[in-house]
Amino acid sequence: MVTDASDHWVATTTLHQGPVWQARFGQHTPPHLIAAFTRALADPSPLLREGLPSSIPAYGTRLVTLTSREVPAVQVASALEDRVRALAARRAAPPTSPSPPRRPPSSPGRTR
């Protein structure tokens, strides 16, 4: 929802009892984050959740189909290695835009 009176747009998910989550994007939100959000939101593939069925919020259990499967240890190890590499690459990448230097706060009163 975007209105002329606001400088942001909001995406809200609701169930019968009301809002479940909400995302807000303002004029300073980097475009790549908005693109990633909308891509993920439009993705039709099932969402993989790890953990026990009890980790799914109670309000969603009637709407979710639970399935479980055995995963070979080799596949788990490979996925872990891929994840570690991806995180290391993210950490090693330089910041996209350097922050401007911070100025000390000006204080009212006398100076030398």
C-alpha atoms as a PDB file:
ATOM      1  CA  MET A   1       0.000   0.000   0.000  1.00  0.00           C
ATOM      2  CA  VAL A   2       1.427   3.398  -0.986  1.00  0.00           C
ATOM      3  CA  THR A   3      -0.346   6.671  -0.516  1.00  0.00           C
ATOM      4  CA  ASP A   4       0.519  10.228  -1.415  1.00  0.00           C
ATOM      5  CA  ALA A   5       0.668  11.005   2.290  1.00  0.00           C
ATOM      6  CA  SER A   6       3.414   8.454   2.980  1.00  0.00           C
ATOM      7  CA  ASP A   7       6.968   7.966   1.822  1.00  0.00           C
ATOM      8  CA  HIS A   8       6.927   4.196   2.267  1.00  0.00           C
ATOM      9  CA  TRP A   9       5.022   1.081   1.290  1.00  0.00           C
ATOM     10  CA  VAL A  10       3.926  -1.776   3.483  1.00  0.00           C
ATOM     11  CA  ALA A  11       3.389  -5.501   2.872  1.00  0.00           C
ATOM     12  CA  THR A  12       1.260  -7.222   5.508  1.00  0.00           C
ATOM     13  CA  THR A  13       0.340 -10.889   5.922  1.00  0.00           C
ATOM     14  CA  THR A  14      -2.828 -11.642   7.850  1.00  0.00           C
ATOM     15  CA  LEU A  15      -4.694 -14.709   9.008  1.00  0.00           C
ATOM     16  CA  HIS A  16      -8.157 -14.932  10.537  1.00  0.00           C
ATOM     17  CA  GLN A  17      -7.106 -13.328  13.818  1.00  0.00           C
ATOM     18  CA  GLY A  18      -5.231 -10.414  12.221  1.00  0.00           C
ATOM     19  CA  PRO A  19      -1.725  -9.440  11.097  1.00  0.00           C
ATOM     20  CA  VAL A  20       1.022 -12.057  11.327  1.00  0.00           C
ATOM     21  CA  TRP A  21       3.956 -10.020  10.024  1.00  0.00           C
ATOM     22  CA  GLN A  22       4.606  -6.787   8.234  1.00  0.00           C
ATOM     23  CA  ALA A  23       7.429  -5.395   6.089  1.00  0.00           C
ATOM     24  CA  ARG A  24       7.917  -1.662   5.551  1.00  0.00           C
ATOM     25  CA  PHE A  25      10.088  -0.140   2.863  1.00  0.00           C
ATOM     26  CA  GLY A  26      10.908   3.552   2.871  1.00  0.00           C
ATOM     27  CA  GLN A  27      12.591   5.908   0.451  1.00  0.00           C
ATOM     28  CA  HIS A  28      16.032   4.969   1.801  1.00  0.00           C
ATOM     29  CA  THR A  29      15.594   1.189   1.483  1.00  0.00           C
ATOM     30  CA  PRO A  30      18.234  -0.108  -0.949  1.00  0.00           C
ATOM     31  CA  PRO A  31      16.593  -1.317  -4.173  1.00  0.00           C
ATOM     32  CA  HIS A  32      18.390  -4.682  -4.022  1.00  0.00           C
ATOM     33  CA  LEU A  33      16.675  -5.435  -0.677  1.00  0.00           C
ATOM     34  CA  ILE A  34      13.249  -4.621  -2.116  1.00  0.00           C
ATOM     35  CA  ALA A  35      14.013  -6.805  -5.143  1.00  0.00           C
ATOM     36  CA  ALA A  36      15.134  -9.715  -2.931  1.00  0.00           C
ATOM     37  CA  PHE A  37      12.006  -9.385  -0.782  1.00  0.00           C
ATOM     38  CA  THR A  38       9.627  -9.367  -3.736  1.00  0.00           C
ATOM     39  CA  ARG A  39      11.466 -12.299  -5.373  1.00  0.00           C
ATOM     40  CA  ALA A  40      11.165 -14.337  -2.181  1.00  0.00           C
ATOM     41  CA  LEU A  41       7.523 -13.345  -1.742  1.00  0.00           C
ATOM     42  CA  ALA A  42       6.646 -14.445  -5.275  1.00  0.00           C
ATOM     43  CA  ASP A  43       8.613 -17.714  -5.122  1.00  0.00           C
ATOM     44  CA  PRO A  44       6.133 -20.607  -5.500  1.00  0.00           C
ATOM     45  CA  SER A  45       8.458 -23.279  -4.094  1.00  0.00           C
ATOM     46  CA  PRO A  46       7.697 -24.732  -0.650  1.00  0.00           C
ATOM     47  CA  LEU A  47       9.409 -23.026   2.259  1.00  0.00           C
ATOM     48  CA  LEU A  48      11.839 -25.312   4.032  1.00  0.00           C
ATOM     49  CA  ARG A  49      11.605 -25.090   7.805  1.00  0.00           C
ATOM     50  CA  GLU A  50      14.089 -26.892   9.960  1.00  0.00           C
ATOM     51  CA  GLY A  51      13.325 -28.197  13.389  1.00  0.00           C
ATOM     52  CA  LEU A  52      10.394 -29.857  15.029  1.00  0.00           C
ATOM     53  CA  PRO A  53       6.749 -29.310  14.086  1.00  0.00           C
ATOM     54  CA  SER A  54       6.395 -27.600  17.467  1.00  0.00           C
ATOM     55  CA  SER A  55       8.649 -24.788  16.159  1.00  0.00           C
ATOM     56  CA  ILE A  56       5.923 -23.674  13.719  1.00  0.00           C
ATOM     57  CA  PRO A  57       3.791 -20.901  15.260  1.00  0.00           C
ATOM     58  CA  ALA A  58       0.426 -22.253  16.449  1.00  0.00           C
ATOM     59  CA  TYR A  59      -1.580 -19.900  14.226  1.00  0.00           C
ATOM     60  CA  GLY A  60      -0.143 -21.500  11.099  1.00  0.00           C
ATOM     61  CA  THR A  61      -0.384 -25.210  11.848  1.00  0.00           C
ATOM     62  CA  ARG A  62      -3.801 -25.680  10.188  1.00  0.00           C
ATOM     63  CA  LEU A  63      -2.494 -24.080   6.985  1.00  0.00           C
ATOM     64  CA  VAL A  64       0.786 -25.980   6.738  1.00  0.00           C
ATOM     65  CA  THR A  65       1.456 -29.424   5.296  1.00  0.00           C
ATOM     66  CA  LEU A  66       4.225 -31.090   7.260  1.00  0.00           C
ATOM     67  CA  THR A  67       6.556 -33.551   5.582  1.00  0.00           C
ATOM     68  CA  SER A  68       9.818 -34.982   6.750  1.00  0.00           C
ATOM     69  CA  ARG A  69      12.557 -36.836   4.972  1.00  0.00           C
ATOM     70  CA  GLU A  70      15.906 -38.353   5.715  1.00  0.00           C
ATOM     71  CA  VAL A  71      18.870 -36.439   4.335  1.00  0.00           C
ATOM     72  CA  PRO A  72      22.155 -38.262   3.725  1.00  0.00           C
ATOM     73  CA  ALA A  73      25.037 -37.041   5.888  1.00  0.00           C
ATOM     74  CA  VAL A  74      27.102 -36.300   2.766  1.00  0.00           C
ATOM     75  CA  GLN A  75      24.405 -33.901   1.531  1.00  0.00           C
ATOM     76  CA  VAL A  76      24.245 -32.172   4.922  1.00  0.00           C
ATOM     77  CA  ALA A  77      28.037 -31.794   5.036  1.00  0.00           C
ATOM     78  CA  SER A  78      28.068 -30.382   1.498  1.00  0.00           C
ATOM     79  CA  ALA A  79      25.302 -27.888   2.324  1.00  0.00           C
ATOM     80  CA  LEU A  80      27.198 -26.807   5.447  1.00  0.00           C
ATOM     81  CA  GLU A  81      30.409 -26.260   3.470  1.00  0.00           C
ATOM     82  CA  ASP A  82      28.497 -24.228   0.859  1.00  0.00           C
ATOM     83  CA  ARG A  83      26.941 -22.102   3.581  1.00  0.00           C
ATOM     84  CA  VAL A  84      30.290 -21.470   5.289  1.00  0.00           C
ATOM     85  CA  ARG A  85      31.841 -20.434   1.951  1.00  0.00           C
ATOM     86  CA  ALA A  86      28.924 -18.101   1.213  1.00  0.00           C
ATOM     87  CA  LEU A  87      29.166 -16.473   4.640  1.00  0.00           C
ATOM     88  CA  ALA A  88      32.951 -16.112   4.352  1.00  0.00           C
ATOM     89  CA  ALA A  89      32.579 -14.475   0.928  1.00  0.00           C
ATOM     90  CA  ARG A  90      29.967 -12.088   2.296  1.00  0.00           C
ATOM     91  CA  ARG A  91      32.211 -11.169   5.207  1.00  0.00           C
ATOM     92  CA  ALA A  92      35.246 -10.613   2.958  1.00  0.00           C
ATOM     93  CA  ALA A  93      33.408  -8.339   0.518  1.00  0.00           C
ATOM     94  CA  PRO A  94      34.056  -4.612   1.005  1.00  0.00           C
ATOM     95  CA  PRO A  95      31.107  -2.464   2.085  1.00  0.00           C
ATOM     96  CA  THR A  96      28.982  -1.284  -0.830  1.00  0.00           C
ATOM     97  CA  SER A  97      29.184   2.375   0.143  1.00  0.00           C
ATOM     98  CA  PRO A  98      31.449   3.781   2.836  1.00  0.00           C
ATOM     99  CA  SER A  99      29.816   5.761   5.596  1.00  0.00           C
ATOM    100  CA  PRO A 100      30.624   9.452   5.782  1.00  0.00           C
ATOM    101  CA  PRO A 101      32.955  10.356   8.654  1.00  0.00           C
ATOM    102  CA  ARG A 102      31.117  11.137  11.863  1.00  0.00           C
ATOM    103  CA  ARG A 103      31.443  14.622  13.249  1.00  0.00           C
ATOM    104  CA  PRO A 104      31.660  15.134  16.991  1.00  0.00           C
ATOM    105  CA  PRO A 105      28.462  16.602  18.420  1.00  0.00           C
ATOM    106  CA  SER A 106      28.524  20.354  18.758  1.00  0.00           C
ATOM    107  CA  SER A 107      28.113  21.502  22.305  1.00  0.00           C
ATOM    108  CA  PRO A 108      26.590  24.772  23.315  1.00  0.00           C
ATOM    109  CA  GLY A 109      28.859  26.832  25.468  1.00  0.00           C
ATOM    110  CA  ARG A 110      32.350  28.201  25.370  1.00  0.00           C
ATOM    111  CA  THR A 111      35.258  26.777  23.451  1.00  0.00           C
ATOM    112  CA  ARG A 112      38.953  27.528  23.777  1.00  0.00           C
END
